[in-house]
Amino acid sequence: MTARRFTLALVGLALVVSMVTPALAQRVDIESRPPELPIDVVPPALDPVTRPSDADFYPGGPRVQHDPAFIEPLAAETDGGDVGLSGWTAPQTPVGPAVLGQREVNGWLAIGLSITWGGPPAARPALRR
């Protein structure tokens, strides 16, 4: 009987110690440094959305608009736009009725060469004299 009491006392002591141990932990103050380079978040183009020709033939029109995101080291800025490697969401043209299994998918990832134009010329910094 003494071995049983000893085992129960040992288990009880282990439970008490396991509950008290987190209370004895030290508090850690976490400090973070600001990033070395500022993070630039480029908003999507604010140009008015034009109506594509597909909107006349398919109900609901295209679900996504063409707004390429240029990959920085592989793109260049010109006077009236941008040119270079970019990624965008390519819309999926609905083919066939829903009864035959046509699922409505917004689009797919596409990567390729993009050229944008039609905007105002890029602002050039003033020369110091």
N, C-alpha and C. Protein backbone atom coordinates (compact mmCIF):
# COMPACT_ATOMS: atom_id res chain seq x y z
N MET A 1 0.81 -1.19 0.00
CA MET A 1 0.00 0.00 0.00
C MET A 1 0.86 1.26 0.00
N THR A 2 2.02 1.18 0.57
CA THR A 2 2.89 2.35 0.60
C THR A 2 3.43 2.69 -0.79
N ALA A 3 3.65 1.69 -1.61
CA ALA A 3 4.13 1.95 -2.97
C ALA A 3 3.06 2.68 -3.79
N ARG A 4 1.80 2.31 -3.55
CA ARG A 4 0.71 2.96 -4.27
C ARG A 4 0.59 4.43 -3.84
N ARG A 5 0.69 4.69 -2.55
CA ARG A 5 0.62 6.06 -2.05
C ARG A 5 1.80 6.89 -2.57
N PHE A 6 2.95 6.26 -2.59
CA PHE A 6 4.14 6.94 -3.09
C PHE A 6 3.97 7.32 -4.56
N THR A 7 3.42 6.40 -5.36
CA THR A 7 3.19 6.66 -6.79
C THR A 7 2.18 7.78 -6.97
N LEU A 8 1.08 7.75 -6.23
CA LEU A 8 0.06 8.82 -6.32
C LEU A 8 0.64 10.17 -5.90
N ALA A 9 1.44 10.17 -4.85
CA ALA A 9 2.06 11.42 -4.41
C ALA A 9 3.02 11.95 -5.46
N LEU A 10 3.77 11.05 -6.09
CA LEU A 10 4.70 11.46 -7.12
C LEU A 10 3.98 12.02 -8.35
N VAL A 11 2.87 11.37 -8.75
CA VAL A 11 2.07 11.86 -9.87
C VAL A 11 1.44 13.21 -9.52
N GLY A 12 0.93 13.36 -8.32
CA GLY A 12 0.34 14.63 -7.89
C GLY A 12 1.37 15.75 -7.87
N LEU A 13 2.56 15.44 -7.38
CA LEU A 13 3.63 16.43 -7.36
C LEU A 13 4.03 16.83 -8.78
N ALA A 14 4.08 15.86 -9.69
CA ALA A 14 4.41 16.16 -11.08
C ALA A 14 3.35 17.06 -11.71
N LEU A 15 2.07 16.82 -11.40
CA LEU A 15 1.00 17.68 -11.93
C LEU A 15 1.11 19.10 -11.40
N VAL A 16 1.38 19.24 -10.11
CA VAL A 16 1.50 20.57 -9.51
C VAL A 16 2.70 21.31 -10.11
N VAL A 17 3.82 20.62 -10.26
CA VAL A 17 5.01 21.26 -10.83
C VAL A 17 4.76 21.67 -12.29
N SER A 18 4.05 20.82 -13.05
CA SER A 18 3.78 21.16 -14.45
C SER A 18 2.84 22.35 -14.58
N MET A 19 1.98 22.58 -13.59
CA MET A 19 1.09 23.74 -13.64
C MET A 19 1.77 25.01 -13.16
N VAL A 20 2.73 24.89 -12.27
CA VAL A 20 3.40 26.06 -11.71
C VAL A 20 4.53 26.54 -12.61
N THR A 21 5.14 25.65 -13.37
CA THR A 21 6.30 26.00 -14.18
C THR A 21 6.03 27.14 -15.17
N PRO A 22 4.90 27.16 -15.92
CA PRO A 22 4.66 28.30 -16.82
C PRO A 22 4.56 29.64 -16.08
N ALA A 23 4.10 29.62 -14.85
CA ALA A 23 3.98 30.86 -14.09
C ALA A 23 5.35 31.41 -13.71
N LEU A 24 6.35 30.57 -13.66
CA LEU A 24 7.69 31.00 -13.29
C LEU A 24 8.51 31.47 -14.49
N ALA A 25 7.97 31.36 -15.69
CA ALA A 25 8.70 31.75 -16.89
C ALA A 25 8.92 33.26 -16.91
N GLN A 26 10.01 33.68 -17.53
CA GLN A 26 10.32 35.09 -17.59
C GLN A 26 9.58 35.74 -18.76
N ARG A 27 9.28 37.01 -18.61
CA ARG A 27 8.62 37.75 -19.67
C ARG A 27 9.67 38.18 -20.69
N VAL A 28 9.33 38.07 -21.97
CA VAL A 28 10.25 38.45 -23.04
C VAL A 28 9.65 39.64 -23.79
N ASP A 29 10.40 40.72 -23.84
CA ASP A 29 9.96 41.90 -24.61
C ASP A 29 10.50 41.76 -26.02
N ILE A 30 9.59 41.72 -26.99
CA ILE A 30 9.97 41.57 -28.39
C ILE A 30 10.01 42.95 -29.04
N GLU A 31 11.14 43.27 -29.60
CA GLU A 31 11.29 44.55 -30.29
C GLU A 31 11.68 44.27 -31.73
N SER A 32 11.09 45.01 -32.64
CA SER A 32 11.43 44.83 -34.05
C SER A 32 11.99 46.13 -34.61
N ARG A 33 12.91 45.98 -35.55
CA ARG A 33 13.49 47.13 -36.21
C ARG A 33 12.69 47.45 -37.46
N PRO A 34 12.63 48.70 -37.87
CA PRO A 34 11.95 49.00 -39.13
C PRO A 34 12.75 48.42 -40.29
N PRO A 35 12.09 48.08 -41.39
CA PRO A 35 12.81 47.51 -42.53
C PRO A 35 13.82 48.52 -43.09
N GLU A 36 14.93 47.99 -43.62
CA GLU A 36 15.97 48.86 -44.16
C GLU A 36 15.48 49.63 -45.38
N LEU A 37 14.76 48.95 -46.25
CA LEU A 37 14.22 49.59 -47.44
C LEU A 37 12.71 49.72 -47.30
N PRO A 38 12.14 50.84 -47.69
CA PRO A 38 10.68 50.94 -47.61
C PRO A 38 10.01 49.97 -48.58
N ILE A 39 8.90 49.43 -48.16
CA ILE A 39 8.16 48.48 -48.98
C ILE A 39 7.17 49.27 -49.82
N ASP A 40 7.30 49.16 -51.13
CA ASP A 40 6.40 49.87 -52.04
C ASP A 40 5.25 48.96 -52.44
N VAL A 41 4.05 49.40 -52.19
CA VAL A 41 2.87 48.67 -52.61
C VAL A 41 2.27 49.44 -53.79
N VAL A 42 2.26 48.80 -54.94
CA VAL A 42 1.78 49.46 -56.15
C VAL A 42 0.29 49.14 -56.32
N PRO A 43 -0.57 50.15 -56.28
CA PRO A 43 -2.00 49.89 -56.47
C PRO A 43 -2.29 49.55 -57.92
N PRO A 44 -3.40 48.90 -58.18
CA PRO A 44 -3.76 48.62 -59.57
C PRO A 44 -4.04 49.92 -60.32
N ALA A 45 -3.99 49.83 -61.63
CA ALA A 45 -4.20 51.02 -62.45
C ALA A 45 -5.57 51.63 -62.16
N LEU A 46 -5.61 52.93 -62.10
CA LEU A 46 -6.86 53.62 -61.80
C LEU A 46 -7.53 54.16 -63.05
N ASP A 47 -7.09 53.67 -64.21
CA ASP A 47 -7.70 54.10 -65.46
C ASP A 47 -9.12 53.56 -65.55
N PRO A 48 -10.00 54.25 -66.28
CA PRO A 48 -11.35 53.71 -66.44
C PRO A 48 -11.31 52.38 -67.20
N VAL A 49 -12.14 51.46 -66.78
CA VAL A 49 -12.18 50.14 -67.39
C VAL A 49 -12.95 50.23 -68.70
N THR A 50 -12.33 49.75 -69.78
CA THR A 50 -13.01 49.75 -71.07
C THR A 50 -13.84 48.49 -71.21
N ARG A 51 -14.82 48.53 -72.06
CA ARG A 51 -15.70 47.38 -72.26
C ARG A 51 -15.14 46.51 -73.38
N PRO A 52 -14.75 45.26 -73.07
CA PRO A 52 -14.20 44.39 -74.11
C PRO A 52 -15.30 43.88 -75.04
N SER A 53 -14.89 43.44 -76.22
CA SER A 53 -15.88 42.97 -77.20
C SER A 53 -16.57 41.68 -76.76
N ASP A 54 -15.95 40.89 -75.90
CA ASP A 54 -16.58 39.66 -75.43
C ASP A 54 -17.83 39.92 -74.60
N ALA A 55 -17.96 41.12 -74.05
CA ALA A 55 -19.09 41.42 -73.18
C ALA A 55 -20.41 41.40 -73.95
N ASP A 56 -20.36 41.57 -75.27
CA ASP A 56 -21.59 41.55 -76.07
C ASP A 56 -22.11 40.13 -76.28
N PHE A 57 -21.23 39.15 -76.22
CA PHE A 57 -21.62 37.78 -76.57
C PHE A 57 -21.83 36.86 -75.38
N TYR A 58 -21.22 37.15 -74.25
CA TYR A 58 -21.32 36.27 -73.09
C TYR A 58 -22.02 37.00 -71.95
N PRO A 59 -22.98 36.37 -71.32
CA PRO A 59 -23.68 37.05 -70.22
C PRO A 59 -22.73 37.28 -69.05
N GLY A 60 -22.81 38.45 -68.49
CA GLY A 60 -21.97 38.77 -67.34
C GLY A 60 -20.64 39.37 -67.71
N GLY A 61 -20.20 39.22 -68.95
CA GLY A 61 -18.93 39.79 -69.38
C GLY A 61 -17.75 39.13 -68.70
N PRO A 62 -16.55 39.60 -68.98
CA PRO A 62 -15.37 39.01 -68.35
C PRO A 62 -15.32 39.35 -66.86
N ARG A 63 -14.83 38.43 -66.07
CA ARG A 63 -14.81 38.61 -64.62
C ARG A 63 -13.58 39.36 -64.13
N VAL A 64 -12.52 39.40 -64.93
CA VAL A 64 -11.30 40.08 -64.52
C VAL A 64 -10.90 41.08 -65.60
N GLN A 65 -10.19 42.13 -65.19
CA GLN A 65 -9.69 43.09 -66.16
C GLN A 65 -8.19 42.90 -66.33
N HIS A 66 -7.70 43.27 -67.48
CA HIS A 66 -6.28 43.11 -67.77
C HIS A 66 -5.50 44.21 -67.08
N ASP A 67 -4.73 43.84 -66.07
CA ASP A 67 -3.90 44.78 -65.33
C ASP A 67 -2.58 44.09 -65.03
N PRO A 68 -1.61 44.15 -65.95
CA PRO A 68 -0.36 43.40 -65.76
C PRO A 68 0.47 43.95 -64.60
N ALA A 69 1.10 43.04 -63.88
CA ALA A 69 2.04 43.40 -62.82
C ALA A 69 3.44 43.13 -63.35
N PHE A 70 4.18 44.19 -63.62
CA PHE A 70 5.50 44.05 -64.22
C PHE A 70 6.51 43.51 -63.21
N ILE A 71 7.37 42.60 -63.67
CA ILE A 71 8.42 42.03 -62.84
C ILE A 71 9.60 42.99 -62.93
N GLU A 72 9.97 43.57 -61.81
CA GLU A 72 10.84 44.75 -61.76
C GLU A 72 12.16 44.62 -62.52
N PRO A 73 13.00 43.62 -62.32
CA PRO A 73 14.27 43.66 -63.04
C PRO A 73 14.13 43.40 -64.54
N LEU A 74 12.99 42.88 -64.98
CA LEU A 74 12.81 42.53 -66.39
C LEU A 74 11.83 43.47 -67.09
N ALA A 75 11.65 44.67 -66.56
CA ALA A 75 10.72 45.64 -67.16
C ALA A 75 11.39 47.00 -67.21
N ALA A 76 10.93 47.83 -68.14
CA ALA A 76 11.46 49.18 -68.28
C ALA A 76 10.30 50.16 -68.39
N GLU A 77 10.52 51.36 -67.89
CA GLU A 77 9.50 52.40 -67.96
C GLU A 77 9.85 53.33 -69.11
N THR A 78 8.89 53.55 -70.00
CA THR A 78 9.09 54.44 -71.14
C THR A 78 8.37 55.76 -70.89
N ASP A 79 8.41 56.65 -71.88
CA ASP A 79 7.76 57.96 -71.71
C ASP A 79 6.25 57.84 -71.55
N GLY A 80 5.63 56.91 -72.25
CA GLY A 80 4.17 56.82 -72.22
C GLY A 80 3.64 55.54 -71.61
N GLY A 81 4.46 54.71 -71.02
CA GLY A 81 3.95 53.46 -70.44
C GLY A 81 5.08 52.57 -69.95
N ASP A 82 4.85 51.28 -69.98
CA ASP A 82 5.82 50.30 -69.51
C ASP A 82 5.94 49.18 -70.53
N VAL A 83 7.08 48.49 -70.51
CA VAL A 83 7.29 47.34 -71.37
C VAL A 83 8.16 46.35 -70.60
N GLY A 84 7.87 45.06 -70.75
CA GLY A 84 8.69 44.05 -70.10
C GLY A 84 7.90 42.82 -69.73
N LEU A 85 8.56 41.93 -69.00
CA LEU A 85 7.94 40.68 -68.55
C LEU A 85 6.97 40.99 -67.42
N SER A 86 5.78 40.42 -67.50
CA SER A 86 4.77 40.69 -66.48
C SER A 86 3.89 39.48 -66.27
N GLY A 87 3.12 39.54 -65.21
CA GLY A 87 2.14 38.50 -64.91
C GLY A 87 0.77 39.13 -64.77
N TRP A 88 -0.28 38.40 -65.13
CA TRP A 88 -1.64 38.92 -65.04
C TRP A 88 -2.60 37.75 -64.95
N THR A 89 -3.85 38.06 -64.73
CA THR A 89 -4.90 37.04 -64.72
C THR A 89 -5.54 37.02 -66.09
N ALA A 90 -5.40 35.89 -66.78
CA ALA A 90 -5.98 35.74 -68.11
C ALA A 90 -7.40 35.21 -67.95
N PRO A 91 -8.41 35.91 -68.46
CA PRO A 91 -9.78 35.44 -68.30
C PRO A 91 -10.04 34.17 -69.09
N GLN A 92 -10.93 33.35 -68.56
CA GLN A 92 -11.31 32.12 -69.25
C GLN A 92 -12.61 32.38 -69.99
N THR A 93 -12.61 32.11 -71.28
CA THR A 93 -13.81 32.28 -72.09
C THR A 93 -14.74 31.11 -71.84
N PRO A 94 -15.99 31.36 -71.47
CA PRO A 94 -16.91 30.24 -71.24
C PRO A 94 -17.24 29.54 -72.55
N VAL A 95 -17.04 28.24 -72.60
CA VAL A 95 -17.32 27.46 -73.79
C VAL A 95 -18.28 26.35 -73.39
N GLY A 96 -19.47 26.38 -73.93
CA GLY A 96 -20.45 25.34 -73.64
C GLY A 96 -21.35 25.71 -72.48
N PRO A 97 -22.48 25.02 -72.38
CA PRO A 97 -23.43 25.31 -71.31
C PRO A 97 -22.99 24.66 -69.99
N ALA A 98 -23.58 25.15 -68.91
CA ALA A 98 -23.26 24.61 -67.59
C ALA A 98 -23.73 23.17 -67.44
N VAL A 99 -24.73 22.77 -68.21
CA VAL A 99 -25.24 21.40 -68.14
C VAL A 99 -24.17 20.39 -68.54
N LEU A 100 -23.31 20.78 -69.48
CA LEU A 100 -22.26 19.89 -69.95
C LEU A 100 -20.99 19.96 -69.11
N GLY A 101 -21.04 20.67 -68.02
CA GLY A 101 -19.89 20.72 -67.12
C GLY A 101 -19.05 21.97 -67.22
N GLN A 102 -19.53 22.98 -67.93
CA GLN A 102 -18.79 24.24 -68.00
C GLN A 102 -18.81 24.89 -66.62
N ARG A 103 -17.64 25.01 -66.03
CA ARG A 103 -17.53 25.64 -64.72
C ARG A 103 -17.14 27.10 -64.89
N GLU A 104 -17.60 27.92 -63.99
CA GLU A 104 -17.29 29.34 -64.05
C GLU A 104 -15.98 29.59 -63.31
N VAL A 105 -14.94 29.87 -64.06
CA VAL A 105 -13.62 30.12 -63.50
C VAL A 105 -13.25 31.56 -63.83
N ASN A 106 -12.79 32.30 -62.86
CA ASN A 106 -12.46 33.71 -63.10
C ASN A 106 -11.30 33.88 -64.05
N GLY A 107 -10.28 33.06 -63.94
CA GLY A 107 -9.13 33.20 -64.83
C GLY A 107 -7.97 32.36 -64.37
N TRP A 108 -6.88 32.45 -65.13
CA TRP A 108 -5.68 31.66 -64.87
C TRP A 108 -4.48 32.57 -64.85
N LEU A 109 -3.42 32.12 -64.19
CA LEU A 109 -2.17 32.87 -64.15
C LEU A 109 -1.53 32.88 -65.54
N ALA A 110 -1.12 34.03 -66.00
CA ALA A 110 -0.45 34.16 -67.29
C ALA A 110 0.81 35.01 -67.10
N ILE A 111 1.87 34.61 -67.78
CA ILE A 111 3.13 35.35 -67.74
C ILE A 111 3.58 35.58 -69.17
N GLY A 112 4.00 36.79 -69.49
CA GLY A 112 4.44 37.08 -70.85
C GLY A 112 4.93 38.50 -70.99
N LEU A 113 5.14 38.90 -72.23
CA LEU A 113 5.59 40.24 -72.56
C LEU A 113 4.38 41.18 -72.61
N SER A 114 4.45 42.27 -71.87
CA SER A 114 3.36 43.25 -71.86
C SER A 114 3.90 44.62 -72.25
N ILE A 115 3.06 45.35 -72.96
CA ILE A 115 3.37 46.72 -73.32
C ILE A 115 2.14 47.55 -72.98
N THR A 116 2.32 48.56 -72.16
CA THR A 116 1.22 49.47 -71.83
C THR A 116 1.60 50.85 -72.35
N TRP A 117 0.60 51.60 -72.81
CA TRP A 117 0.83 52.94 -73.33
C TRP A 117 -0.43 53.75 -73.14
N GLY A 118 -0.34 55.00 -73.49
CA GLY A 118 -1.51 55.86 -73.43
C GLY A 118 -1.54 56.75 -72.22
N GLY A 119 -0.61 56.61 -71.31
CA GLY A 119 -0.60 57.46 -70.14
C GLY A 119 0.22 58.71 -70.40
N PRO A 120 0.22 59.62 -69.46
CA PRO A 120 1.04 60.83 -69.62
C PRO A 120 2.52 60.46 -69.54
N PRO A 121 3.39 61.28 -70.11
CA PRO A 121 4.83 61.00 -70.02
C PRO A 121 5.29 60.97 -68.57
N ALA A 122 6.29 60.16 -68.32
CA ALA A 122 6.83 60.06 -66.96
C ALA A 122 7.46 61.39 -66.56
N ALA A 123 7.28 61.78 -65.32
CA ALA A 123 7.84 63.04 -64.82
C ALA A 123 9.35 62.89 -64.69
N ARG A 124 10.06 63.87 -65.19
CA ARG A 124 11.53 63.85 -65.10
C ARG A 124 11.95 64.84 -64.02
N PRO A 125 12.95 64.46 -63.22
CA PRO A 125 13.39 65.39 -62.17
C PRO A 125 14.04 66.64 -62.79
N ALA A 126 13.85 67.75 -62.13
CA ALA A 126 14.42 69.01 -62.61
C ALA A 126 15.93 68.99 -62.44
N LEU A 127 16.63 69.57 -63.41
CA LEU A 127 18.09 69.63 -63.34
C LEU A 127 18.52 70.76 -62.41
N ARG A 128 19.51 70.49 -61.59
CA ARG A 128 20.03 71.53 -60.69
C ARG A 128 21.15 72.28 -61.39
N ARG A 129 21.14 73.56 -61.24
CA ARG A 129 22.19 74.38 -61.88
C ARG A 129 23.05 75.02 -60.84
